[in-house]
Amino acid sequence: MSVFGATHARFEGDKLTHLKVGLIDTTKPAWDSPMKEMLVLQVVDLIVGGDSVYLVQGVDGVYPPGQKLAVKAHSDGVEYLVEEGDPMPGRGIKNLPAF
């Protein structure tokens, strides 16, 4: 299972449509792969497939993982992303820089 970090978000209105995602190593301040733009559906597929995706906001060149993302489904079956666990003020999906 791989660990990914999401650093930027794109919204159309209130709807999250894309994330900028790359492989991370949580033990060092480095990325294991270049960042790439992914549709939310692609990120959902990563999580459903067993990978972990964390929100990451760089501080002084270090990228500590923030909240882990999880997949939820509306009653009509449409899947979407949510932050797992207790809220981290200022570190949610809506706080990621836009691209």
C-alpha atoms as a PDB file:
ATOM      1  CA  MET A   1       0.000   0.000   0.000  1.00  0.00           C
ATOM      2  CA  SER A   2       1.257   3.453  -0.916  1.00  0.00           C
ATOM      3  CA  VAL A   3       1.020   6.763   0.923  1.00  0.00           C
ATOM      4  CA  PHE A   4       0.081   9.845  -1.075  1.00  0.00           C
ATOM      5  CA  GLY A   5      -0.007  13.512  -0.140  1.00  0.00           C
ATOM      6  CA  ALA A   6      -2.454  16.067  -1.554  1.00  0.00           C
ATOM      7  CA  THR A   7      -1.165  19.648  -1.592  1.00  0.00           C
ATOM      8  CA  HIS A   8      -3.580  21.655  -3.768  1.00  0.00           C
ATOM      9  CA  ALA A   9      -7.285  21.543  -4.586  1.00  0.00           C
ATOM     10  CA  ARG A  10      -9.524  22.724  -7.391  1.00  0.00           C
ATOM     11  CA  PHE A  11     -13.194  23.472  -6.836  1.00  0.00           C
ATOM     12  CA  GLU A  12     -16.017  24.271  -9.226  1.00  0.00           C
ATOM     13  CA  GLY A  13     -18.312  26.235  -6.951  1.00  0.00           C
ATOM     14  CA  ASP A  14     -18.479  24.182  -3.740  1.00  0.00           C
ATOM     15  CA  LYS A  15     -17.652  20.897  -5.488  1.00  0.00           C
ATOM     16  CA  LEU A  16     -14.117  19.488  -5.181  1.00  0.00           C
ATOM     17  CA  THR A  17     -13.074  18.353  -8.666  1.00  0.00           C
ATOM     18  CA  HIS A  18      -9.277  17.827  -8.596  1.00  0.00           C
ATOM     19  CA  LEU A  19      -6.377  17.368  -6.194  1.00  0.00           C
ATOM     20  CA  LYS A  20      -2.648  17.670  -6.800  1.00  0.00           C
ATOM     21  CA  VAL A  21      -1.227  14.408  -5.455  1.00  0.00           C
ATOM     22  CA  GLY A  22       2.180  12.714  -5.154  1.00  0.00           C
ATOM     23  CA  LEU A  23       3.763   9.760  -3.359  1.00  0.00           C
ATOM     24  CA  ILE A  24       5.262  10.744  -0.021  1.00  0.00           C
ATOM     25  CA  ASP A  25       7.618   9.194   2.485  1.00  0.00           C
ATOM     26  CA  THR A  26       6.333  10.199   5.908  1.00  0.00           C
ATOM     27  CA  THR A  27       9.782   9.636   7.455  1.00  0.00           C
ATOM     28  CA  LYS A  28      11.625  12.285   5.433  1.00  0.00           C
ATOM     29  CA  PRO A  29      10.970  15.739   3.953  1.00  0.00           C
ATOM     30  CA  ALA A  30      10.900  14.541   0.366  1.00  0.00           C
ATOM     31  CA  TRP A  31       8.467  13.432  -2.278  1.00  0.00           C
ATOM     32  CA  ASP A  32       8.835   9.965  -3.808  1.00  0.00           C
ATOM     33  CA  SER A  33       7.186  11.068  -7.056  1.00  0.00           C
ATOM     34  CA  PRO A  34       6.360  14.323  -8.807  1.00  0.00           C
ATOM     35  CA  MET A  35       3.007  15.894  -8.053  1.00  0.00           C
ATOM     36  CA  LYS A  36       0.265  15.354 -10.608  1.00  0.00           C
ATOM     37  CA  GLU A  37      -3.248  16.627 -11.056  1.00  0.00           C
ATOM     38  CA  MET A  38      -5.864  13.957 -10.369  1.00  0.00           C
ATOM     39  CA  LEU A  39      -9.633  13.898 -10.645  1.00  0.00           C
ATOM     40  CA  VAL A  40     -11.403  13.295  -7.336  1.00  0.00           C
ATOM     41  CA  LEU A  41     -12.627   9.974  -8.773  1.00  0.00           C
ATOM     42  CA  GLN A  42      -8.991   8.886  -9.249  1.00  0.00           C
ATOM     43  CA  VAL A  43      -8.208   9.759  -5.620  1.00  0.00           C
ATOM     44  CA  VAL A  44     -11.301   7.816  -4.513  1.00  0.00           C
ATOM     45  CA  ASP A  45      -9.971   4.821  -6.487  1.00  0.00           C
ATOM     46  CA  LEU A  46      -6.599   5.059  -4.696  1.00  0.00           C
ATOM     47  CA  ILE A  47      -8.274   4.981  -1.279  1.00  0.00           C
ATOM     48  CA  VAL A  48     -10.737   2.219  -2.170  1.00  0.00           C
ATOM     49  CA  GLY A  49      -7.777   0.246  -3.538  1.00  0.00           C
ATOM     50  CA  GLY A  50      -6.056   0.364  -0.129  1.00  0.00           C
ATOM     51  CA  ASP A  51      -3.714   3.332  -0.497  1.00  0.00           C
ATOM     52  CA  SER A  52      -3.652   6.193   2.008  1.00  0.00           C
ATOM     53  CA  VAL A  53      -4.048   9.836   1.012  1.00  0.00           C
ATOM     54  CA  TYR A  54      -3.238  12.651   3.439  1.00  0.00           C
ATOM     55  CA  LEU A  55      -3.684  16.391   3.174  1.00  0.00           C
ATOM     56  CA  VAL A  56      -0.221  17.936   3.214  1.00  0.00           C
ATOM     57  CA  GLN A  57       0.710  21.562   3.750  1.00  0.00           C
ATOM     58  CA  GLY A  58       4.417  22.350   3.513  1.00  0.00           C
ATOM     59  CA  VAL A  59       6.098  24.204   6.356  1.00  0.00           C
ATOM     60  CA  ASP A  60       9.722  25.301   5.873  1.00  0.00           C
ATOM     61  CA  GLY A  61      10.322  22.664   3.189  1.00  0.00           C
ATOM     62  CA  VAL A  62       8.919  19.839   5.312  1.00  0.00           C
ATOM     63  CA  TYR A  63       5.645  18.159   4.389  1.00  0.00           C
ATOM     64  CA  PRO A  64       4.142  16.509   7.474  1.00  0.00           C
ATOM     65  CA  PRO A  65       0.972  14.537   6.739  1.00  0.00           C
ATOM     66  CA  GLY A  66      -2.175  16.163   8.042  1.00  0.00           C
ATOM     67  CA  GLN A  67      -5.611  14.650   8.002  1.00  0.00           C
ATOM     68  CA  LYS A  68      -6.161  11.354   6.251  1.00  0.00           C
ATOM     69  CA  LEU A  69      -8.826  11.322   3.564  1.00  0.00           C
ATOM     70  CA  ALA A  70     -11.647   8.785   3.522  1.00  0.00           C
ATOM     71  CA  VAL A  71     -14.385   7.906   1.047  1.00  0.00           C
ATOM     72  CA  LYS A  72     -18.065   8.340   1.888  1.00  0.00           C
ATOM     73  CA  ALA A  73     -21.114   7.820  -0.306  1.00  0.00           C
ATOM     74  CA  HIS A  74     -24.294   9.836  -0.664  1.00  0.00           C
ATOM     75  CA  SER A  75     -27.594   7.942  -0.517  1.00  0.00           C
ATOM     76  CA  ASP A  76     -27.606   7.868  -4.339  1.00  0.00           C
ATOM     77  CA  GLY A  77     -24.233   6.054  -4.316  1.00  0.00           C
ATOM     78  CA  VAL A  78     -22.086   8.993  -5.454  1.00  0.00           C
ATOM     79  CA  GLU A  79     -18.752   8.818  -3.627  1.00  0.00           C
ATOM     80  CA  TYR A  80     -16.936  11.828  -2.196  1.00  0.00           C
ATOM     81  CA  LEU A  81     -13.918  12.613  -0.013  1.00  0.00           C
ATOM     82  CA  VAL A  82     -13.967  13.611   3.665  1.00  0.00           C
ATOM     83  CA  GLU A  83     -11.320  14.194   6.300  1.00  0.00           C
ATOM     84  CA  GLU A  84     -11.029  11.372   8.843  1.00  0.00           C
ATOM     85  CA  GLY A  85     -10.856  11.937  12.583  1.00  0.00           C
ATOM     86  CA  ASP A  86     -10.992  15.121  14.581  1.00  0.00           C
ATOM     87  CA  PRO A  87     -10.954  18.371  12.619  1.00  0.00           C
ATOM     88  CA  MET A  88      -7.599  20.118  12.277  1.00  0.00           C
ATOM     89  CA  PRO A  89      -8.481  23.827  12.078  1.00  0.00           C
ATOM     90  CA  GLY A  90      -6.983  25.458   9.006  1.00  0.00           C
ATOM     91  CA  ARG A  91      -5.816  22.124   7.568  1.00  0.00           C
ATOM     92  CA  GLY A  92      -8.903  20.782   5.766  1.00  0.00           C
ATOM     93  CA  ILE A  93      -9.514  20.207   2.073  1.00  0.00           C
ATOM     94  CA  LYS A  94     -10.968  23.712   1.707  1.00  0.00           C
ATOM     95  CA  ASN A  95      -7.764  25.176   3.170  1.00  0.00           C
ATOM     96  CA  LEU A  96      -5.483  23.719   0.515  1.00  0.00           C
ATOM     97  CA  PRO A  97      -4.118  26.261  -1.951  1.00  0.00           C
ATOM     98  CA  ALA A  98      -5.982  26.436  -5.266  1.00  0.00           C
ATOM     99  CA  PHE A  99      -4.403  25.481  -8.583  1.00  0.00           C
END
